[in-house]
Amino acid sequence: MSRKIKLIWDFRGPESEKIAEHHAIHLREFAEKEKLPFIEAGVELKNEMYSLAYIVVSEEYMITYRDALIPQRGEIA
């Protein structure tokens, strides 16, 4: 079974949640357009000045997503 990898983009500032939500929409659109599978895409609100957008993919697709979307960081989900 392949591991799940969470690719992450950080956003800071008073508009961080709205920006992260918008970014998550583009992550889903990219996956659909490229016909790439993904497990989940979403937003995490850490506090009023820090949010992140993420997409969770299986390890076998991580390189494809990483090279195309250039996340700021990743972690095993």
Protein backbone atom coordinates (compact mmCIF):
# COMPACT_ATOMS: atom_id res chain seq x y z
CA MET A 1 0.00 0.00 0.00
CA SER A 2 1.28 3.43 -0.95
CA ARG A 3 1.81 6.10 1.69
CA LYS A 4 -0.25 9.28 1.64
CA ILE A 5 1.70 12.52 1.14
CA LYS A 6 0.32 15.92 2.13
CA LEU A 7 1.67 18.78 -0.02
CA ILE A 8 1.30 22.14 1.72
CA TRP A 9 1.18 25.85 0.83
CA ASP A 10 1.32 28.38 3.70
CA PHE A 11 -0.48 31.72 3.70
CA ARG A 12 -0.08 34.45 6.29
CA GLY A 13 -1.90 37.67 7.03
CA PRO A 14 -5.46 38.79 7.71
CA GLU A 15 -6.68 37.38 4.34
CA SER A 16 -4.83 34.06 4.68
CA GLU A 17 -7.97 31.93 5.02
CA LYS A 18 -9.60 33.35 1.88
CA ILE A 19 -6.38 32.98 -0.09
CA ALA A 20 -5.92 29.38 1.09
CA GLU A 21 -9.53 28.54 0.14
CA HIS A 22 -8.97 29.98 -3.33
CA HIS A 23 -5.71 28.06 -3.69
CA ALA A 24 -7.41 24.79 -2.70
CA ILE A 25 -9.92 25.31 -5.52
CA HIS A 26 -7.03 25.57 -7.99
CA LEU A 27 -5.43 22.43 -6.57
CA ARG A 28 -8.64 20.47 -7.23
CA GLU A 29 -9.00 22.01 -10.70
CA PHE A 30 -5.41 21.07 -11.56
CA ALA A 31 -5.97 17.45 -10.54
CA GLU A 32 -9.19 17.23 -12.55
CA LYS A 33 -7.69 18.90 -15.62
CA GLU A 34 -4.62 16.63 -15.58
CA LYS A 35 -6.74 13.58 -14.70
CA LEU A 36 -4.57 12.90 -11.65
CA PRO A 37 -6.00 11.11 -8.63
CA PHE A 38 -5.94 12.76 -5.24
CA ILE A 39 -7.28 11.79 -1.85
CA GLU A 40 -8.25 15.14 -0.42
CA ALA A 41 -7.68 18.86 -0.94
CA GLY A 42 -8.59 21.50 1.60
CA VAL A 43 -7.72 24.28 4.00
CA GLU A 44 -6.58 24.38 7.61
CA LEU A 45 -7.05 27.56 9.62
CA LYS A 46 -4.26 27.68 12.19
CA ASN A 47 -5.14 31.13 13.57
CA GLU A 48 -6.52 34.43 12.25
CA MET A 49 -3.18 35.25 10.61
CA TYR A 50 -2.09 31.83 9.31
CA SER A 51 -3.84 29.29 7.07
CA LEU A 52 -2.65 26.59 4.76
CA ALA A 53 -3.95 24.90 1.63
CA TYR A 54 -3.09 21.27 1.02
CA ILE A 55 -3.61 18.32 -1.24
CA VAL A 56 -3.13 14.73 -0.15
CA VAL A 57 -1.91 12.32 -2.83
CA SER A 58 -0.56 8.80 -2.92
CA GLU A 59 3.21 8.56 -2.87
CA GLU A 60 3.35 7.34 -6.46
CA TYR A 61 1.95 10.68 -7.71
CA MET A 62 3.88 12.93 -5.33
CA ILE A 63 6.69 13.76 -7.77
CA THR A 64 4.21 14.71 -10.51
CA TYR A 65 2.33 17.06 -8.19
CA ARG A 66 5.50 18.44 -6.60
CA ASP A 67 7.17 19.29 -9.89
CA ALA A 68 4.05 20.89 -11.37
CA LEU A 69 2.77 22.80 -8.34
CA ILE A 70 5.92 23.53 -6.29
CA PRO A 71 4.53 23.22 -2.75
CA GLN A 72 6.34 24.92 0.10
CA ARG A 73 6.61 21.70 2.05
CA GLY A 74 5.24 18.21 2.41
CA GLU A 75 4.69 15.59 5.07
CA ILE A 76 3.50 12.02 5.41
CA ALA A 77 -0.25 12.14 6.02
